Amino acid sequence: MEFQFDVDALFPERITVLDQHLRPPARRPGTTTPARVDLQQQIMTIIDELGKASAKAQNLSAPITSASRMQSNRHVVYILKDSSARPAGKGAIIGFIKVGYKKLFVLDDREAHNEVEPLCILDFYIHESVQRHGHGRELFQYMLQKERVEPHQLAIDRPSQKLLKFLNKHYNLETTVPQVNNFVIFEGFFAHQHPPARKLPPKRAEGDIKPYSSSDREFLKVAVEPPWPLNRAPRRATPPAHPPPRSSSLGNSPERGPLRPFVPEQELLRSLRLCPPHPTARLLLAADPGGSPAQRRRTSSLPRSEESRY
């Protein structure tokens, strides 16, 4: 894949490693250095074109590799160039591989869920004109050495049939562990995982789950009696034949009986009339000269004309 600018001068080494910052690599001594902004724009152009070519080769509806995606994710891209003589003398790009660590939930051989964060192959492309020349193995092997991982420790995101055949041919990766997501892992993935696989904590037993444990459900079935006197108002409780003795530091407290029902108003007034006056009320009536009962009777028996004179 050729470009209008000098690729050989932009990437001094045969394989260039770029992270999310897309910084231009150090240039060879004695070469002219264009503006740094122009160099970064050239790198972004290369990544965008490689992403489009990879999506077309995999029959994808949209590229999964672009400069904007690289800048928004902590991924690493390895770019392989061809520095041999070209008609334009500017070099060309052979292919690339994009990798990155991702947190995944994967199944092991016993179908148990495991939370892992392996190195993932996110995109891999070699130009059609130079395939089957060993460039793919060269680039893949360089990535393995740089990342210090083994092939069976990788997780591959939606690999194509060509990539699966490539891994089987060069690294004997054939038996896969079935998953429920788009990632493919091979047998031996959990043997020497780097970073080590983090298994999810085991589920707690039913008796430890709150507040919906079996003991709680049995407790909810038992009717709890409200405290006194609410437990006495609705019904009359029959005392037991032999109540258990109760004792405390303050002595035995009397047994509270059921509450009496409300007394009607007329019955309450009748009982008040029949009650004898309080001794204090008698003293007050005796001290008031005009407040005796006889005086009140004489006053009430006078005509209204005579009452007005008083």
C-alpha atoms as a PDB file:
ATOM      1  CA  MET A   1       0.000   0.000   0.000  1.00  0.00           C
ATOM      2  CA  GLU A   2       1.655   3.193  -1.224  1.00  0.00           C
ATOM      3  CA  PHE A   3       1.074   6.814  -0.211  1.00  0.00           C
ATOM      4  CA  GLN A   4       1.907  10.223  -1.616  1.00  0.00           C
ATOM      5  CA  PHE A   5       4.364  11.002   1.177  1.00  0.00           C
ATOM      6  CA  ASP A   6       7.598   9.252   2.049  1.00  0.00           C
ATOM      7  CA  VAL A   7       6.666   6.252   4.215  1.00  0.00           C
ATOM      8  CA  ASP A   8      10.263   5.077   4.442  1.00  0.00           C
ATOM      9  CA  ALA A   9      11.295   8.394   5.989  1.00  0.00           C
ATOM     10  CA  LEU A  10       8.276   8.493   8.307  1.00  0.00           C
ATOM     11  CA  PHE A  11       8.943   5.009   9.737  1.00  0.00           C
ATOM     12  CA  PRO A  12      12.711   4.469  10.088  1.00  0.00           C
ATOM     13  CA  GLU A  13      12.382   0.843  11.283  1.00  0.00           C
ATOM     14  CA  ARG A  14      10.827  -2.046   9.415  1.00  0.00           C
ATOM     15  CA  ILE A  15       8.204  -2.518  12.181  1.00  0.00           C
ATOM     16  CA  THR A  16       6.909   0.552  13.985  1.00  0.00           C
ATOM     17  CA  VAL A  17       4.927   0.450  17.243  1.00  0.00           C
ATOM     18  CA  LEU A  18       2.373   3.201  17.864  1.00  0.00           C
ATOM     19  CA  ASP A  19       0.145   3.789  20.884  1.00  0.00           C
ATOM     20  CA  GLN A  20      -2.877   6.020  21.386  1.00  0.00           C
ATOM     21  CA  HIS A  21      -0.785   9.207  21.161  1.00  0.00           C
ATOM     22  CA  LEU A  22       0.278   8.462  17.562  1.00  0.00           C
ATOM     23  CA  ARG A  23       3.602  10.189  18.062  1.00  0.00           C
ATOM     24  CA  PRO A  24       6.025  10.038  15.133  1.00  0.00           C
ATOM     25  CA  PRO A  25       9.035   7.819  15.884  1.00  0.00           C
ATOM     26  CA  ALA A  26      12.536   9.205  16.203  1.00  0.00           C
ATOM     27  CA  ARG A  27      14.095   9.915  12.846  1.00  0.00           C
ATOM     28  CA  ARG A  28      17.512   8.906  11.612  1.00  0.00           C
ATOM     29  CA  PRO A  29      20.322  11.441  12.068  1.00  0.00           C
ATOM     30  CA  GLY A  30      20.917  13.648   9.077  1.00  0.00           C
ATOM     31  CA  THR A  31      17.353  13.527   7.723  1.00  0.00           C
ATOM     32  CA  THR A  32      15.220  16.620   7.385  1.00  0.00           C
ATOM     33  CA  THR A  33      12.390  16.900   9.903  1.00  0.00           C
ATOM     34  CA  PRO A  34       9.088  18.346   8.654  1.00  0.00           C
ATOM     35  CA  ALA A  35       6.613  19.922  11.011  1.00  0.00           C
ATOM     36  CA  ARG A  36       5.547  17.504  13.729  1.00  0.00           C
ATOM     37  CA  VAL A  37       1.868  18.179  12.987  1.00  0.00           C
ATOM     38  CA  ASP A  38       2.369  17.072   9.385  1.00  0.00           C
ATOM     39  CA  LEU A  39       4.046  13.851  10.523  1.00  0.00           C
ATOM     40  CA  GLN A  40       1.192  12.982  12.863  1.00  0.00           C
ATOM     41  CA  GLN A  41      -1.320  13.712  10.118  1.00  0.00           C
ATOM     42  CA  GLN A  42       0.530  11.316   7.823  1.00  0.00           C
ATOM     43  CA  ILE A  43       0.392   8.606  10.519  1.00  0.00           C
ATOM     44  CA  MET A  44      -3.347   9.153  10.932  1.00  0.00           C
ATOM     45  CA  THR A  45      -3.813   8.847   7.176  1.00  0.00           C
ATOM     46  CA  ILE A  46      -1.930   5.537   7.097  1.00  0.00           C
ATOM     47  CA  ILE A  47      -3.987   4.082   9.958  1.00  0.00           C
ATOM     48  CA  ASP A  48      -7.272   5.168   8.395  1.00  0.00           C
ATOM     49  CA  GLU A  49      -6.387   3.601   5.044  1.00  0.00           C
ATOM     50  CA  LEU A  50      -5.200   0.379   6.658  1.00  0.00           C
ATOM     51  CA  GLY A  51      -8.458   0.157   8.628  1.00  0.00           C
ATOM     52  CA  LYS A  52     -10.533   0.565   5.481  1.00  0.00           C
ATOM     53  CA  ALA A  53      -8.546  -2.095   3.626  1.00  0.00           C
ATOM     54  CA  SER A  54      -8.900  -4.524   6.539  1.00  0.00           C
ATOM     55  CA  ALA A  55     -12.655  -3.968   6.768  1.00  0.00           C
ATOM     56  CA  LYS A  56     -13.015  -4.569   3.026  1.00  0.00           C
ATOM     57  CA  ALA A  57     -10.989  -7.789   3.221  1.00  0.00           C
ATOM     58  CA  GLN A  58     -13.160  -9.078   6.102  1.00  0.00           C
ATOM     59  CA  ASN A  59     -16.455  -7.952   4.510  1.00  0.00           C
ATOM     60  CA  LEU A  60     -17.214  -5.622   7.444  1.00  0.00           C
ATOM     61  CA  SER A  61     -19.752  -2.843   7.113  1.00  0.00           C
ATOM     62  CA  ALA A  62     -17.427  -0.290   8.763  1.00  0.00           C
ATOM     63  CA  PRO A  63     -13.732  -0.163   9.698  1.00  0.00           C
ATOM     64  CA  ILE A  64     -12.833  -1.254  13.211  1.00  0.00           C
ATOM     65  CA  THR A  65      -9.449   0.485  13.062  1.00  0.00           C
ATOM     66  CA  SER A  66      -9.048   4.212  12.597  1.00  0.00           C
ATOM     67  CA  ALA A  67      -6.966   7.062  13.977  1.00  0.00           C
ATOM     68  CA  SER A  68      -9.868   8.369  16.056  1.00  0.00           C
ATOM     69  CA  ARG A  69     -10.426   4.929  17.604  1.00  0.00           C
ATOM     70  CA  MET A  70      -6.741   4.652  18.388  1.00  0.00           C
ATOM     71  CA  GLN A  71      -6.747   7.997  20.171  1.00  0.00           C
ATOM     72  CA  SER A  72      -9.788   7.094  22.294  1.00  0.00           C
ATOM     73  CA  ASN A  73      -8.553   3.623  23.354  1.00  0.00           C
ATOM     74  CA  ARG A  74      -5.410   2.252  24.894  1.00  0.00           C
ATOM     75  CA  HIS A  75      -4.542   0.055  21.942  1.00  0.00           C
ATOM     76  CA  VAL A  76      -1.217  -0.594  20.246  1.00  0.00           C
ATOM     77  CA  VAL A  77      -0.704  -0.988  16.518  1.00  0.00           C
ATOM     78  CA  TYR A  78       2.295  -2.670  14.858  1.00  0.00           C
ATOM     79  CA  ILE A  79       2.913  -1.441  11.298  1.00  0.00           C
ATOM     80  CA  LEU A  80       5.098  -3.394   8.875  1.00  0.00           C
ATOM     81  CA  LYS A  81       6.656  -1.479   5.975  1.00  0.00           C
ATOM     82  CA  ASP A  82       8.417  -2.504   2.782  1.00  0.00           C
ATOM     83  CA  SER A  83      11.594  -0.513   2.298  1.00  0.00           C
ATOM     84  CA  SER A  84      12.626  -2.154  -0.952  1.00  0.00           C
ATOM     85  CA  ALA A  85      13.020  -0.040  -4.058  1.00  0.00           C
ATOM     86  CA  ARG A  86       9.767   1.305  -5.458  1.00  0.00           C
ATOM     87  CA  PRO A  87       9.089   3.318  -8.610  1.00  0.00           C
ATOM     88  CA  ALA A  88       8.371   6.367  -6.484  1.00  0.00           C
ATOM     89  CA  GLY A  89      11.168   5.570  -4.017  1.00  0.00           C
ATOM     90  CA  LYS A  90       9.017   6.302  -0.975  1.00  0.00           C
ATOM     91  CA  GLY A  91       8.418   2.830   0.409  1.00  0.00           C
ATOM     92  CA  ALA A  92       5.088   1.144   1.133  1.00  0.00           C
ATOM     93  CA  ILE A  93       3.044  -0.382   3.947  1.00  0.00           C
ATOM     94  CA  ILE A  94       2.672  -4.181   3.995  1.00  0.00           C
ATOM     95  CA  GLY A  95       0.199  -4.606   6.857  1.00  0.00           C
ATOM     96  CA  PHE A  96      -0.541  -4.086  10.514  1.00  0.00           C
ATOM     97  CA  ILE A  97      -1.789  -5.808  13.664  1.00  0.00           C
ATOM     98  CA  LYS A  98      -3.692  -4.069  16.452  1.00  0.00           C
ATOM     99  CA  VAL A  99      -3.716  -5.416  20.022  1.00  0.00           C
ATOM    100  CA  GLY A 100      -4.963  -4.286  23.410  1.00  0.00           C
ATOM    101  CA  TYR A 101      -5.876  -5.567  26.865  1.00  0.00           C
ATOM    102  CA  LYS A 102      -9.573  -6.001  27.572  1.00  0.00           C
ATOM    103  CA  LYS A 103     -11.614  -7.180  30.531  1.00  0.00           C
ATOM    104  CA  LEU A 104     -13.599 -10.219  29.443  1.00  0.00           C
ATOM    105  CA  PHE A 105     -15.904 -12.807  30.955  1.00  0.00           C
ATOM    106  CA  VAL A 106     -14.942 -16.119  29.415  1.00  0.00           C
ATOM    107  CA  LEU A 107     -15.912 -19.742  30.014  1.00  0.00           C
ATOM    108  CA  ASP A 108     -13.386 -22.415  30.872  1.00  0.00           C
ATOM    109  CA  ASP A 109     -13.548 -26.144  30.090  1.00  0.00           C
ATOM    110  CA  ARG A 110     -16.071 -26.667  32.932  1.00  0.00           C
ATOM    111  CA  GLU A 111     -18.253 -23.803  31.643  1.00  0.00           C
ATOM    112  CA  ALA A 112     -17.426 -21.688  34.699  1.00  0.00           C
ATOM    113  CA  HIS A 113     -17.328 -17.914  34.255  1.00  0.00           C
ATOM    114  CA  ASN A 114     -13.951 -16.240  34.689  1.00  0.00           C
ATOM    115  CA  GLU A 115     -13.103 -12.540  34.672  1.00  0.00           C
ATOM    116  CA  VAL A 116      -9.831 -12.097  32.787  1.00  0.00           C
ATOM    117  CA  GLU A 117      -7.896  -9.296  31.143  1.00  0.00           C
ATOM    118  CA  PRO A 118      -5.870 -10.911  28.358  1.00  0.00           C
ATOM    119  CA  LEU A 119      -4.083  -9.390  25.423  1.00  0.00           C
ATOM    120  CA  CYS A 120      -6.540  -9.405  22.522  1.00  0.00           C
ATOM    121  CA  ILE A 121      -5.969  -9.465  18.781  1.00  0.00           C
ATOM    122  CA  LEU A 122      -8.331  -6.741  17.602  1.00  0.00           C
ATOM    123  CA  ASP A 123      -7.393  -6.422  13.915  1.00  0.00           C
ATOM    124  CA  PHE A 124      -4.882  -8.086  11.597  1.00  0.00           C
ATOM    125  CA  TYR A 125      -4.292  -7.342   7.935  1.00  0.00           C
ATOM    126  CA  ILE A 126      -1.658  -8.055   5.289  1.00  0.00           C
ATOM    127  CA  HIS A 127      -2.035  -6.499   1.868  1.00  0.00           C
ATOM    128  CA  GLU A 128      -3.368  -8.943  -0.732  1.00  0.00           C
ATOM    129  CA  SER A 129      -0.441  -8.376  -3.103  1.00  0.00           C
ATOM    130  CA  VAL A 130       2.155  -9.616  -0.592  1.00  0.00           C
ATOM    131  CA  GLN A 131       0.296 -12.413   1.216  1.00  0.00           C
ATOM    132  CA  ARG A 132       1.857 -15.880   1.568  1.00  0.00           C
ATOM    133  CA  HIS A 133       5.349 -14.380   1.699  1.00  0.00           C
ATOM    134  CA  GLY A 134       5.951 -14.774   5.419  1.00  0.00           C
ATOM    135  CA  HIS A 135       5.133 -11.157   6.276  1.00  0.00           C
ATOM    136  CA  GLY A 136       2.210 -12.098   8.487  1.00  0.00           C
ATOM    137  CA  ARG A 137       4.276 -14.521  10.575  1.00  0.00           C
ATOM    138  CA  GLU A 138       7.099 -11.960  10.836  1.00  0.00           C
ATOM    139  CA  LEU A 139       4.740  -9.297  12.139  1.00  0.00           C
ATOM    140  CA  PHE A 140       2.868 -11.653  14.469  1.00  0.00           C
ATOM    141  CA  GLN A 141       6.071 -13.081  15.945  1.00  0.00           C
ATOM    142  CA  TYR A 142       7.474  -9.601  16.554  1.00  0.00           C
ATOM    143  CA  MET A 143       4.303  -8.673  18.432  1.00  0.00           C
ATOM    144  CA  LEU A 144       4.518 -11.804  20.618  1.00  0.00           C
ATOM    145  CA  GLN A 145       8.099 -11.016  21.590  1.00  0.00           C
ATOM    146  CA  LYS A 146       7.352  -7.372  22.260  1.00  0.00           C
ATOM    147  CA  GLU A 147       4.285  -8.121  24.397  1.00  0.00           C
ATOM    148  CA  ARG A 148       5.917 -11.186  26.047  1.00  0.00           C
ATOM    149  CA  VAL A 149       2.969 -13.504  25.582  1.00  0.00           C
ATOM    150  CA  GLU A 150       2.425 -16.961  24.148  1.00  0.00           C
ATOM    151  CA  PRO A 151      -0.010 -17.575  21.274  1.00  0.00           C
ATOM    152  CA  HIS A 152      -2.418 -19.672  23.402  1.00  0.00           C
ATOM    153  CA  GLN A 153      -2.716 -16.821  25.915  1.00  0.00           C
ATOM    154  CA  LEU A 154      -4.330 -14.515  23.353  1.00  0.00           C
ATOM    155  CA  ALA A 155      -8.006 -13.780  22.848  1.00  0.00           C
ATOM    156  CA  ILE A 156      -9.014 -13.012  19.255  1.00  0.00           C
ATOM    157  CA  ASP A 157     -11.911 -10.715  18.477  1.00  0.00           C
ATOM    158  CA  ARG A 158     -14.088 -12.171  15.692  1.00  0.00           C
ATOM    159  CA  PRO A 159     -11.283 -13.892  13.789  1.00  0.00           C
ATOM    160  CA  SER A 160     -11.732 -14.589  10.104  1.00  0.00           C
ATOM    161  CA  GLN A 161     -11.249 -18.021   8.609  1.00  0.00           C
ATOM    162  CA  LYS A 162      -7.906 -16.890   7.196  1.00  0.00           C
ATOM    163  CA  LEU A 163      -6.681 -15.889  10.650  1.00  0.00           C
ATOM    164  CA  LEU A 164      -7.829 -19.176  12.202  1.00  0.00           C
ATOM    165  CA  LYS A 165      -5.967 -21.105   9.490  1.00  0.00           C
ATOM    166  CA  PHE A 166      -2.919 -18.899  10.025  1.00  0.00           C
ATOM    167  CA  LEU A 167      -2.882 -19.647  13.782  1.00  0.00           C
ATOM    168  CA  ASN A 168      -3.352 -23.357  13.174  1.00  0.00           C
ATOM    169  CA  LYS A 169      -0.578 -23.500  10.591  1.00  0.00           C
ATOM    170  CA  HIS A 170       2.093 -21.543  12.447  1.00  0.00           C
ATOM    171  CA  TYR A 171       1.204 -22.052  16.132  1.00  0.00           C
ATOM    172  CA  ASN A 172      -0.837 -25.283  16.210  1.00  0.00           C
ATOM    173  CA  LEU A 173      -3.848 -23.500  17.702  1.00  0.00           C
ATOM    174  CA  GLU A 174      -6.818 -25.610  16.699  1.00  0.00           C
ATOM    175  CA  THR A 175      -9.035 -26.596  19.652  1.00  0.00           C
ATOM    176  CA  THR A 176     -11.101 -23.648  20.841  1.00  0.00           C
ATOM    177  CA  VAL A 177     -13.039 -23.200  24.081  1.00  0.00           C
ATOM    178  CA  PRO A 178     -16.678 -22.305  23.245  1.00  0.00           C
ATOM    179  CA  GLN A 179     -17.707 -18.833  24.351  1.00  0.00           C
ATOM    180  CA  VAL A 180     -20.905 -16.783  24.450  1.00  0.00           C
ATOM    181  CA  ASN A 181     -19.233 -13.609  23.102  1.00  0.00           C
ATOM    182  CA  ASN A 182     -17.334 -12.721  19.925  1.00  0.00           C
ATOM    183  CA  PHE A 183     -13.902 -13.608  21.318  1.00  0.00           C
ATOM    184  CA  VAL A 184     -12.146 -16.882  20.581  1.00  0.00           C
ATOM    185  CA  ILE A 185      -9.723 -18.527  22.992  1.00  0.00           C
ATOM    186  CA  PHE A 186      -7.806 -21.747  22.500  1.00  0.00           C
ATOM    187  CA  GLU A 187      -7.053 -24.740  24.647  1.00  0.00           C
ATOM    188  CA  GLY A 188      -4.398 -23.857  27.217  1.00  0.00           C
ATOM    189  CA  PHE A 189      -5.642 -20.296  27.661  1.00  0.00           C
ATOM    190  CA  PHE A 190      -6.077 -20.767  31.435  1.00  0.00           C
ATOM    191  CA  ALA A 191      -2.902 -22.811  31.917  1.00  0.00           C
ATOM    192  CA  HIS A 192      -0.427 -19.915  31.886  1.00  0.00           C
ATOM    193  CA  GLN A 193      -2.572 -16.817  31.704  1.00  0.00           C
ATOM    194  CA  HIS A 194      -0.633 -13.516  31.673  1.00  0.00           C
ATOM    195  CA  PRO A 195      -1.915 -11.464  33.418  1.00  0.00           C
ATOM    196  CA  PRO A 196      -3.368 -14.303  35.563  1.00  0.00           C
ATOM    197  CA  ALA A 197      -7.062 -14.959  35.217  1.00  0.00           C
ATOM    198  CA  ARG A 198      -9.205 -13.455  37.953  1.00  0.00           C
ATOM    199  CA  LYS A 199     -12.000 -15.828  38.837  1.00  0.00           C
ATOM    200  CA  LEU A 200     -15.264 -14.391  40.074  1.00  0.00           C
ATOM    201  CA  PRO A 201     -16.040 -14.974  43.785  1.00  0.00           C
ATOM    202  CA  PRO A 202     -18.272 -18.012  44.385  1.00  0.00           C
ATOM    203  CA  LYS A 203     -21.937 -17.443  44.939  1.00  0.00           C
ATOM    204  CA  ARG A 204     -23.029 -17.313  48.551  1.00  0.00           C
ATOM    205  CA  ALA A 205     -25.215 -20.047  49.970  1.00  0.00           C
ATOM    206  CA  GLU A 206     -28.924 -19.415  50.294  1.00  0.00           C
ATOM    207  CA  GLY A 207     -28.677 -19.130  54.081  1.00  0.00           C
ATOM    208  CA  ASP A 208     -26.222 -16.230  53.760  1.00  0.00           C
ATOM    209  CA  ILE A 209     -28.321 -14.176  51.380  1.00  0.00           C
ATOM    210  CA  LYS A 210     -30.148 -11.310  53.041  1.00  0.00           C
ATOM    211  CA  PRO A 211     -32.944 -10.322  53.351  1.00  0.00           C
ATOM    212  CA  TYR A 212     -34.501 -13.138  51.313  1.00  0.00           C
ATOM    213  CA  SER A 213     -33.060 -16.152  53.080  1.00  0.00           C
ATOM    214  CA  SER A 214     -35.139 -19.176  54.030  1.00  0.00           C
ATOM    215  CA  SER A 215     -34.973 -18.294  57.741  1.00  0.00           C
ATOM    216  CA  ASP A 216     -36.342 -14.855  57.037  1.00  0.00           C
ATOM    217  CA  ARG A 217     -39.171 -16.290  55.000  1.00  0.00           C
ATOM    218  CA  GLU A 218     -40.121 -18.622  57.864  1.00  0.00           C
ATOM    219  CA  PHE A 219     -40.030 -15.706  60.262  1.00  0.00           C
ATOM    220  CA  LEU A 220     -42.414 -13.710  58.107  1.00  0.00           C
ATOM    221  CA  LYS A 221     -44.971 -16.517  58.301  1.00  0.00           C
ATOM    222  CA  VAL A 222     -45.279 -16.142  62.120  1.00  0.00           C
ATOM    223  CA  ALA A 223     -47.775 -13.500  63.208  1.00  0.00           C
ATOM    224  CA  VAL A 224     -46.164 -11.076  65.642  1.00  0.00           C
ATOM    225  CA  GLU A 225     -48.478  -9.864  68.431  1.00  0.00           C
ATOM    226  CA  PRO A 226     -48.463  -6.059  68.926  1.00  0.00           C
ATOM    227  CA  PRO A 227     -47.384  -4.664  72.343  1.00  0.00           C
ATOM    228  CA  TRP A 228     -49.733  -3.837  75.206  1.00  0.00           C
ATOM    229  CA  PRO A 229     -52.308  -2.256  75.181  1.00  0.00           C
ATOM    230  CA  LEU A 230     -52.816  -2.766  71.448  1.00  0.00           C
ATOM    231  CA  ASN A 231     -52.991  -6.484  71.964  1.00  0.00           C
ATOM    232  CA  ARG A 232     -55.825  -6.070  74.497  1.00  0.00           C
ATOM    233  CA  ALA A 233     -58.150  -3.714  72.665  1.00  0.00           C
ATOM    234  CA  PRO A 234     -59.588  -5.948  69.934  1.00  0.00           C
ATOM    235  CA  ARG A 235     -60.282  -9.048  72.014  1.00  0.00           C
ATOM    236  CA  ARG A 236     -60.467 -10.327  75.557  1.00  0.00           C
ATOM    237  CA  ALA A 237     -57.605 -12.625  76.296  1.00  0.00           C
ATOM    238  CA  THR A 238     -58.302 -15.660  78.462  1.00  0.00           C
ATOM    239  CA  PRO A 239     -55.620 -15.915  81.154  1.00  0.00           C
ATOM    240  CA  PRO A 240     -53.918 -19.282  81.413  1.00  0.00           C
ATOM    241  CA  ALA A 241     -54.947 -21.734  84.136  1.00  0.00           C
ATOM    242  CA  HIS A 242     -51.530 -21.612  85.755  1.00  0.00           C
ATOM    243  CA  PRO A 243     -49.664 -18.458  84.701  1.00  0.00           C
ATOM    244  CA  PRO A 244     -45.906 -18.664  85.091  1.00  0.00           C
ATOM    245  CA  PRO A 245     -44.486 -16.617  87.963  1.00  0.00           C
ATOM    246  CA  ARG A 246     -42.890 -13.337  87.013  1.00  0.00           C
ATOM    247  CA  SER A 247     -40.304 -11.615  89.098  1.00  0.00           C
ATOM    248  CA  SER A 248     -38.051  -8.626  88.781  1.00  0.00           C
ATOM    249  CA  SER A 249     -35.971  -6.370  90.927  1.00  0.00           C
ATOM    250  CA  LEU A 250     -39.001  -4.069  91.408  1.00  0.00           C
ATOM    251  CA  GLY A 251     -41.374  -6.826  92.429  1.00  0.00           C
ATOM    252  CA  ASN A 252     -44.222  -8.473  90.668  1.00  0.00           C
ATOM    253  CA  SER A 253     -46.190  -6.199  88.414  1.00  0.00           C
ATOM    254  CA  PRO A 254     -49.967  -6.646  88.369  1.00  0.00           C
ATOM    255  CA  GLU A 255     -51.605  -8.398  85.495  1.00  0.00           C
ATOM    256  CA  ARG A 256     -53.191  -5.889  83.169  1.00  0.00           C
ATOM    257  CA  GLY A 257     -56.774  -6.726  82.337  1.00  0.00           C
ATOM    258  CA  PRO A 258     -58.613  -5.946  79.169  1.00  0.00           C
ATOM    259  CA  LEU A 259     -59.462  -2.358  78.396  1.00  0.00           C
ATOM    260  CA  ARG A 260     -62.979  -1.166  79.304  1.00  0.00           C
ATOM    261  CA  PRO A 261     -65.153  -0.069  76.422  1.00  0.00           C
ATOM    262  CA  PHE A 262     -66.033   3.569  75.933  1.00  0.00           C
ATOM    263  CA  VAL A 263     -68.827   4.873  78.226  1.00  0.00           C
ATOM    264  CA  PRO A 264     -71.749   6.646  76.483  1.00  0.00           C
ATOM    265  CA  GLU A 265     -72.092  10.379  77.073  1.00  0.00           C
ATOM    266  CA  GLN A 266     -75.497  10.209  78.785  1.00  0.00           C
ATOM    267  CA  GLU A 267     -74.330   7.540  81.217  1.00  0.00           C
ATOM    268  CA  LEU A 268     -71.233   9.599  81.997  1.00  0.00           C
ATOM    269  CA  LEU A 269     -73.317  12.711  82.832  1.00  0.00           C
ATOM    270  CA  ARG A 270     -75.687  10.681  85.013  1.00  0.00           C
ATOM    271  CA  SER A 271     -72.799   9.277  87.015  1.00  0.00           C
ATOM    272  CA  LEU A 272     -71.367  12.761  87.518  1.00  0.00           C
ATOM    273  CA  ARG A 273     -74.679  14.035  88.992  1.00  0.00           C
ATOM    274  CA  LEU A 274     -74.814  11.168  91.468  1.00  0.00           C
ATOM    275  CA  CYS A 275     -71.242  11.636  92.645  1.00  0.00           C
ATOM    276  CA  PRO A 276     -70.943  13.558  96.011  1.00  0.00           C
ATOM    277  CA  PRO A 277     -69.178  16.938  95.817  1.00  0.00           C
ATOM    278  CA  HIS A 278     -65.506  17.094  96.579  1.00  0.00           C
ATOM    279  CA  PRO A 279     -64.597  18.431 100.085  1.00  0.00           C
ATOM    280  CA  THR A 280     -62.735  21.313  98.510  1.00  0.00           C
ATOM    281  CA  ALA A 281     -65.842  22.348  96.600  1.00  0.00           C
ATOM    282  CA  ARG A 282     -67.810  22.407  99.858  1.00  0.00           C
ATOM    283  CA  LEU A 283     -65.299  24.774 101.463  1.00  0.00           C
ATOM    284  CA  LEU A 284     -65.485  27.141  98.488  1.00  0.00           C
ATOM    285  CA  LEU A 285     -69.264  27.206  98.608  1.00  0.00           C
ATOM    286  CA  ALA A 286     -69.228  27.905 102.371  1.00  0.00           C
ATOM    287  CA  ALA A 287     -66.789  30.801 101.960  1.00  0.00           C
ATOM    288  CA  ASP A 288     -68.964  32.505  99.282  1.00  0.00           C
ATOM    289  CA  PRO A 289     -71.918  34.293 101.032  1.00  0.00           C
ATOM    290  CA  GLY A 290     -73.965  34.500  97.896  1.00  0.00           C
ATOM    291  CA  GLY A 291     -72.971  31.166  96.688  1.00  0.00           C
ATOM    292  CA  SER A 292     -74.971  28.948  99.091  1.00  0.00           C
ATOM    293  CA  PRO A 293     -77.524  26.620  97.643  1.00  0.00           C
ATOM    294  CA  ALA A 294     -80.383  28.316  99.503  1.00  0.00           C
ATOM    295  CA  GLN A 295     -79.394  31.724  98.169  1.00  0.00           C
ATOM    296  CA  ARG A 296     -79.216  30.348  94.655  1.00  0.00           C
ATOM    297  CA  ARG A 297     -82.668  28.797  95.070  1.00  0.00           C
ATOM    298  CA  ARG A 298     -84.179  32.112  96.312  1.00  0.00           C
ATOM    299  CA  THR A 299     -82.554  34.008  93.471  1.00  0.00           C
ATOM    300  CA  SER A 300     -83.844  31.625  90.897  1.00  0.00           C
ATOM    301  CA  SER A 301     -87.405  31.797  92.386  1.00  0.00           C
ATOM    302  CA  LEU A 302     -87.686  35.629  92.100  1.00  0.00           C
ATOM    303  CA  PRO A 303     -89.454  37.214  89.162  1.00  0.00           C
ATOM    304  CA  ARG A 304     -87.320  38.607  86.383  1.00  0.00           C
ATOM    305  CA  SER A 305     -88.155  42.217  87.383  1.00  0.00           C
ATOM    306  CA  GLU A 306     -86.795  41.664  90.859  1.00  0.00           C
ATOM    307  CA  GLU A 307     -83.733  39.880  89.567  1.00  0.00           C
ATOM    308  CA  SER A 308     -82.770  42.967  87.606  1.00  0.00           C
ATOM    309  CA  ARG A 309     -82.506  45.009  90.823  1.00  0.00           C
ATOM    310  CA  TYR A 310     -79.832  42.743  92.173  1.00  0.00           C
END
